Structures are given as C-alpha cells and as structure tokens.
Amino acid sequence: MAESIFKFWSEMGPTDKIHPRDRSVLDRVQHGFDLRCLPGCFGGPLKTAPVVLLFLSPGFSPVDLIVAKKPEAQARIVEVRKGRSPLAGQDEHESAWRWWTGRTKVFGPWEELRHKVSTLNICGYHSAAFSDWGLLAALPSCRVTLGWAQEVLFPQAERGERVVICLRAARYWGLDKKQRYGVSLFAPAVTRGGSMLKTDEHGRVRKQIVAAVQKAVGRN
C-alpha cells in the first residue's frame, strides 16, 4: 500500500531544506537543485481538492531564497505539508502566485480556485532548469509521490471522484499519449511551461478539461 504523502513530508521541520530520507542520495551525486529553498512537492489543499494539477518540480526564483528565511513562510510550509492550506496568495509568495494563476485562469477566478485546486510535483526540490531526470527514481521523496499518485490519486480520478490533469512530464507520471483515462484523469498536449495547447487538434480535450474543472469547483 502506498505510503501517505502527508505523513512523509511531516517528517521535515520548518527550516529543513532536505528531507532526511533524501539526504544520503543528494550527498552522493551532483545535482542542479537549489537546496537553499524550502522544499515541498505539493501546494494547495491536496487532501480535499477536487482538482489536482501534475507538474515536474518547483522552479526557481530569487524570491524563493528570501521566502525561505522568513519565519512566517517557514511556519506556513509546515501547514502546507498537512494538505489543507490554500494555494499561495500574492502577499505570501508573489512569484509562486503568478505561476499558478497563469496556468489556472482558464478555469476561473484565482480567489476561488486557491481553495479547490492543488498542485503536485514529482520532485519537491527547486531548480532553475530541471535536468536531474535520473534522480526521480533514486530519491525516496519522488518514489513516495509517484506511489501515492498511482495507488491513491489516479484511481480516484479514473472513478470521477477528482479531476487530475497532467501538465508536465506525463511519461514520468506513468501516462502516455492517450489524453483521457477513465472519467477524469487527463494528460493533454501541453507546452514545456505547463499550459494546455489551444490548437484545433487538441481543442476538444482542452474543452472537456475546462468543463470538468468548472463542474468540480462549482462554476457551472
């Protein structure tokens, strides 16, 4: 049975930059992660969110270094890891807010979505340009995320209990060229930045996804 993703991340303290189970791997290999940032593989109310967006890893902004030193941000990351906090607002982490609102504006106002949408990354460590593909299999944190997604989250989406949309690294999530699995597990064609393509070829699936999300969050 998959290990609880919430229990796993609760093993970190508010100022920790490396999960204790990942430390031995990261000590052995060269990597491109910026370990001055506060790590975490998910944002938003993942325990209850009717919509979950799948990505690869957090990007990097100089703001992340500033945020990591703030006691209020350190306290907030502890709450975020419990899986019930809303997605970051503009006053909490402006660059993170700009990033997630840019990818969800098609679904509705961000003030509503932050309480109903969650983001989930395979990897919880920040990097300016992800290049550590081999570590997705080596890092215990990544294995926990993928195991929980495969055994808990994806079956929920296939049954229609949640809407799950893969917006990055579909093959690493265990998804392929098929754009819909079951009732509401989607893997649409996307840009490298995680935005759904709008071309006629992919427009039908995009419309299905928008409709499914708006229904899930109570907008239609």
Protein backbone atom coordinates (compact mmCIF):
# COMPACT_ATOMS: atom_id res chain seq x y z
CA MET A 1 0.00 0.00 0.00
CA ALA A 2 1.27 3.48 -0.85
CA GLU A 3 2.85 5.49 1.93
CA SER A 4 0.93 8.61 2.88
CA ILE A 5 2.46 11.61 1.12
CA PHE A 6 1.33 13.79 4.03
CA LYS A 7 2.97 11.64 6.69
CA PHE A 8 6.18 11.55 4.65
CA TRP A 9 6.51 15.34 4.40
CA SER A 10 5.54 15.80 8.06
CA GLU A 11 8.97 14.37 8.89
CA MET A 12 10.54 17.73 7.96
CA GLY A 13 10.92 20.70 10.28
CA PRO A 14 10.04 24.28 9.29
CA THR A 15 13.62 25.26 8.39
CA ASP A 16 14.78 21.96 6.86
CA LYS A 17 15.97 22.17 3.25
CA ILE A 18 16.44 18.43 2.62
CA HIS A 19 14.11 15.61 3.56
CA PRO A 20 16.04 13.27 5.90
CA ARG A 21 15.35 10.25 3.71
CA ASP A 22 16.73 12.05 0.63
CA ARG A 23 19.93 13.28 2.23
CA SER A 24 22.14 10.26 1.50
CA VAL A 25 21.24 10.34 -2.21
CA LEU A 26 21.81 14.08 -2.53
CA ASP A 27 25.13 13.78 -0.68
CA ARG A 28 26.37 11.19 -3.19
CA VAL A 29 25.56 12.83 -6.51
CA GLN A 30 25.94 16.13 -8.29
CA HIS A 31 22.60 17.76 -8.99
CA GLY A 32 21.02 21.03 -10.05
CA PHE A 33 18.71 21.56 -7.08
CA ASP A 34 18.96 24.76 -5.07
CA LEU A 35 18.91 23.46 -1.51
CA ARG A 36 18.64 26.92 0.00
CA CYS A 37 14.90 26.86 -0.73
CA LEU A 38 12.09 25.31 1.31
CA PRO A 39 11.16 22.07 -0.46
CA GLY A 40 7.73 20.58 -0.88
CA CYS A 41 6.15 18.55 -3.64
CA PHE A 42 2.61 19.91 -3.36
CA GLY A 43 0.67 23.09 -2.78
CA GLY A 44 -2.96 23.76 -2.02
CA PRO A 45 -5.45 21.52 -0.20
CA LEU A 46 -4.26 18.21 -1.68
CA LYS A 47 -6.20 16.13 0.85
CA THR A 48 -9.54 17.50 -0.30
CA ALA A 49 -9.04 19.42 -3.57
CA PRO A 50 -11.47 18.35 -6.29
CA VAL A 51 -8.86 19.35 -8.90
CA VAL A 52 -5.16 18.38 -8.89
CA LEU A 53 -2.62 19.61 -11.44
CA LEU A 54 0.50 17.48 -12.02
CA PHE A 55 3.92 19.02 -12.70
CA LEU A 56 7.57 18.01 -12.51
CA SER A 57 9.27 20.16 -9.87
CA PRO A 58 9.19 23.68 -8.42
CA GLY A 59 11.05 26.22 -10.49
CA PHE A 60 13.41 28.76 -9.01
CA SER A 61 13.07 32.46 -8.37
CA PRO A 62 15.34 34.68 -6.25
CA VAL A 63 12.20 35.31 -4.21
CA ASP A 64 12.39 31.68 -3.05
CA LEU A 65 15.59 32.49 -1.16
CA ILE A 66 14.00 35.45 0.57
CA VAL A 67 10.87 33.49 1.44
CA ALA A 68 12.93 30.62 2.88
CA LYS A 69 14.34 32.94 5.56
CA LYS A 70 11.02 34.34 6.74
CA PRO A 71 9.63 32.78 9.95
CA GLU A 72 6.06 33.22 8.68
CA ALA A 73 6.90 31.32 5.48
CA GLN A 74 8.61 28.58 7.47
CA ALA A 75 5.50 28.23 9.62
CA ARG A 76 3.30 28.24 6.53
CA ILE A 77 5.22 25.41 4.82
CA VAL A 78 4.54 23.21 7.84
CA GLU A 79 0.82 23.83 7.37
CA VAL A 80 1.03 23.37 3.59
CA ARG A 81 2.57 19.92 4.10
CA LYS A 82 -0.54 18.85 6.01
CA GLY A 83 -2.50 19.12 2.74
CA ARG A 84 -5.27 21.52 3.75
CA SER A 85 -3.89 25.03 3.11
CA PRO A 86 -4.95 27.07 0.05
CA LEU A 87 -2.54 27.82 -2.77
CA ALA A 88 -0.23 30.77 -2.18
CA GLY A 89 -1.68 34.24 -2.46
CA GLN A 90 0.08 37.26 -3.89
CA ASP A 91 1.04 38.55 -0.46
CA GLU A 92 2.51 35.21 0.61
CA HIS A 93 4.72 34.34 -2.38
CA GLU A 94 4.23 36.59 -5.39
CA SER A 95 6.25 34.59 -7.95
CA ALA A 96 4.52 31.33 -6.97
CA TRP A 97 1.15 33.10 -7.14
CA ARG A 98 1.90 34.44 -10.63
CA TRP A 99 2.96 30.99 -11.79
CA TRP A 100 -0.06 29.01 -10.65
CA THR A 101 -2.62 31.68 -11.52
CA GLY A 102 -1.19 31.88 -15.04
CA ARG A 103 -1.98 28.21 -15.56
CA THR A 104 -5.41 28.19 -13.97
CA LYS A 105 -7.01 31.44 -15.17
CA VAL A 106 -8.88 29.48 -17.85
CA PHE A 107 -10.81 27.74 -15.05
CA GLY A 108 -11.99 30.77 -13.07
CA PRO A 109 -11.00 33.49 -10.56
CA TRP A 110 -7.91 32.61 -8.55
CA GLU A 111 -9.52 33.70 -5.28
CA GLU A 112 -11.96 30.79 -5.63
CA LEU A 113 -9.57 28.28 -7.15
CA ARG A 114 -6.89 28.54 -4.45
CA HIS A 115 -9.21 26.66 -2.06
CA LYS A 116 -10.23 23.98 -4.58
CA VAL A 117 -7.14 23.32 -6.71
CA SER A 118 -3.90 21.66 -5.67
CA THR A 119 -0.58 21.27 -7.47
CA LEU A 120 1.55 18.14 -7.18
CA ASN A 121 5.17 17.78 -8.35
CA ILE A 122 7.10 14.54 -8.72
CA CYS A 123 10.11 16.26 -7.16
CA GLY A 124 9.93 18.70 -4.26
CA TYR A 125 13.27 20.45 -4.79
CA HIS A 126 13.62 23.78 -6.60
CA SER A 127 15.73 24.17 -9.74
CA ALA A 128 16.02 26.84 -12.40
CA ALA A 129 16.06 24.27 -15.23
CA PHE A 130 15.31 20.68 -14.31
CA SER A 131 17.92 18.22 -15.58
CA ASP A 132 18.08 15.54 -12.89
CA TRP A 133 15.79 13.01 -14.52
CA GLY A 134 17.68 10.01 -13.16
CA LEU A 135 17.07 11.13 -9.59
CA LEU A 136 13.31 10.75 -9.97
CA ALA A 137 13.84 7.02 -9.42
CA ALA A 138 16.55 7.40 -6.77
CA LEU A 139 15.05 9.95 -4.38
CA PRO A 140 12.72 8.43 -1.77
CA SER A 141 10.56 11.57 -1.85
CA CYS A 142 9.91 11.13 -5.58
CA ARG A 143 9.09 7.45 -5.14
CA VAL A 144 6.59 8.26 -2.40
CA THR A 145 4.89 10.85 -4.61
CA LEU A 146 4.65 8.53 -7.61
CA GLY A 147 3.47 5.60 -5.49
CA TRP A 148 0.76 7.70 -3.84
CA ALA A 149 -0.35 9.09 -7.20
CA GLN A 150 -0.56 5.66 -8.82
CA GLU A 151 -2.29 3.90 -5.94
CA VAL A 152 -4.50 6.66 -4.49
CA LEU A 153 -4.90 9.74 -6.67
CA PHE A 154 -5.16 8.24 -10.15
CA PRO A 155 -7.81 5.65 -9.23
CA GLN A 156 -9.86 8.46 -7.65
CA ALA A 157 -9.66 10.43 -10.90
CA GLU A 158 -10.48 7.43 -13.08
CA ARG A 159 -13.60 6.87 -10.97
CA GLY A 160 -14.55 10.55 -11.32
CA GLU A 161 -14.01 11.47 -7.66
CA ARG A 162 -11.46 14.15 -8.59
CA VAL A 163 -10.22 15.84 -11.75
CA VAL A 164 -6.48 15.24 -12.25
CA ILE A 165 -4.65 16.95 -15.10
CA CYS A 166 -1.05 16.18 -16.03
CA LEU A 167 0.61 19.35 -17.30
CA ARG A 168 4.26 18.20 -17.28
CA ALA A 169 6.35 15.01 -17.65
CA ALA A 170 3.46 12.67 -18.47
CA ARG A 171 5.66 9.62 -19.12
CA TYR A 172 7.32 10.00 -15.72
CA TRP A 173 3.89 10.05 -14.11
CA GLY A 174 3.10 6.79 -15.93
CA LEU A 175 0.82 8.36 -18.54
CA ASP A 176 1.14 8.15 -22.32
CA LYS A 177 -0.27 9.70 -25.48
CA LYS A 178 -3.83 8.86 -24.58
CA GLN A 179 -5.30 12.15 -23.35
CA ARG A 180 -8.05 10.82 -21.09
CA TYR A 181 -8.17 7.87 -18.71
CA GLY A 182 -11.42 6.80 -17.12
CA VAL A 183 -13.77 9.59 -16.11
CA SER A 184 -11.43 12.45 -15.23
CA LEU A 185 -7.72 11.65 -15.40
CA PHE A 186 -6.31 13.80 -18.21
CA ALA A 187 -2.92 14.07 -19.91
CA PRO A 188 -3.44 16.77 -22.59
CA ALA A 189 -0.87 18.07 -25.03
CA VAL A 190 0.98 20.89 -23.27
CA THR A 191 3.78 23.39 -23.67
CA ARG A 192 7.02 22.92 -21.76
CA GLY A 193 5.78 25.57 -19.36
CA GLY A 194 2.72 23.53 -18.44
CA SER A 195 -0.03 25.25 -20.43
CA MET A 196 -2.56 23.28 -22.48
CA LEU A 197 -2.32 23.67 -26.26
CA LYS A 198 -5.19 25.51 -27.93
CA THR A 199 -4.86 24.17 -31.50
CA ASP A 200 -7.81 22.56 -33.24
CA GLU A 201 -6.18 19.15 -32.90
CA HIS A 202 -6.16 19.39 -29.11
CA GLY A 203 -9.02 21.81 -28.59
CA ARG A 204 -11.66 19.14 -27.96
CA VAL A 205 -9.79 17.65 -24.99
CA ARG A 206 -8.99 21.11 -23.65
CA LYS A 207 -12.69 21.99 -23.69
CA GLN A 208 -13.50 18.73 -21.89
CA ILE A 209 -10.94 19.55 -19.22
CA VAL A 210 -12.19 23.11 -18.70
CA ALA A 211 -15.76 21.85 -18.39
CA ALA A 212 -14.75 19.09 -15.95
CA VAL A 213 -12.79 21.50 -13.76
CA GLN A 214 -15.54 24.12 -13.71
CA LYS A 215 -18.07 21.46 -12.72
CA ALA A 216 -15.73 20.13 -9.99
CA VAL A 217 -15.21 23.58 -8.46
CA GLY A 218 -18.89 24.51 -8.73
CA ARG A 219 -18.71 27.04 -11.54
CA ASN A 220 -21.39 25.52 -13.77
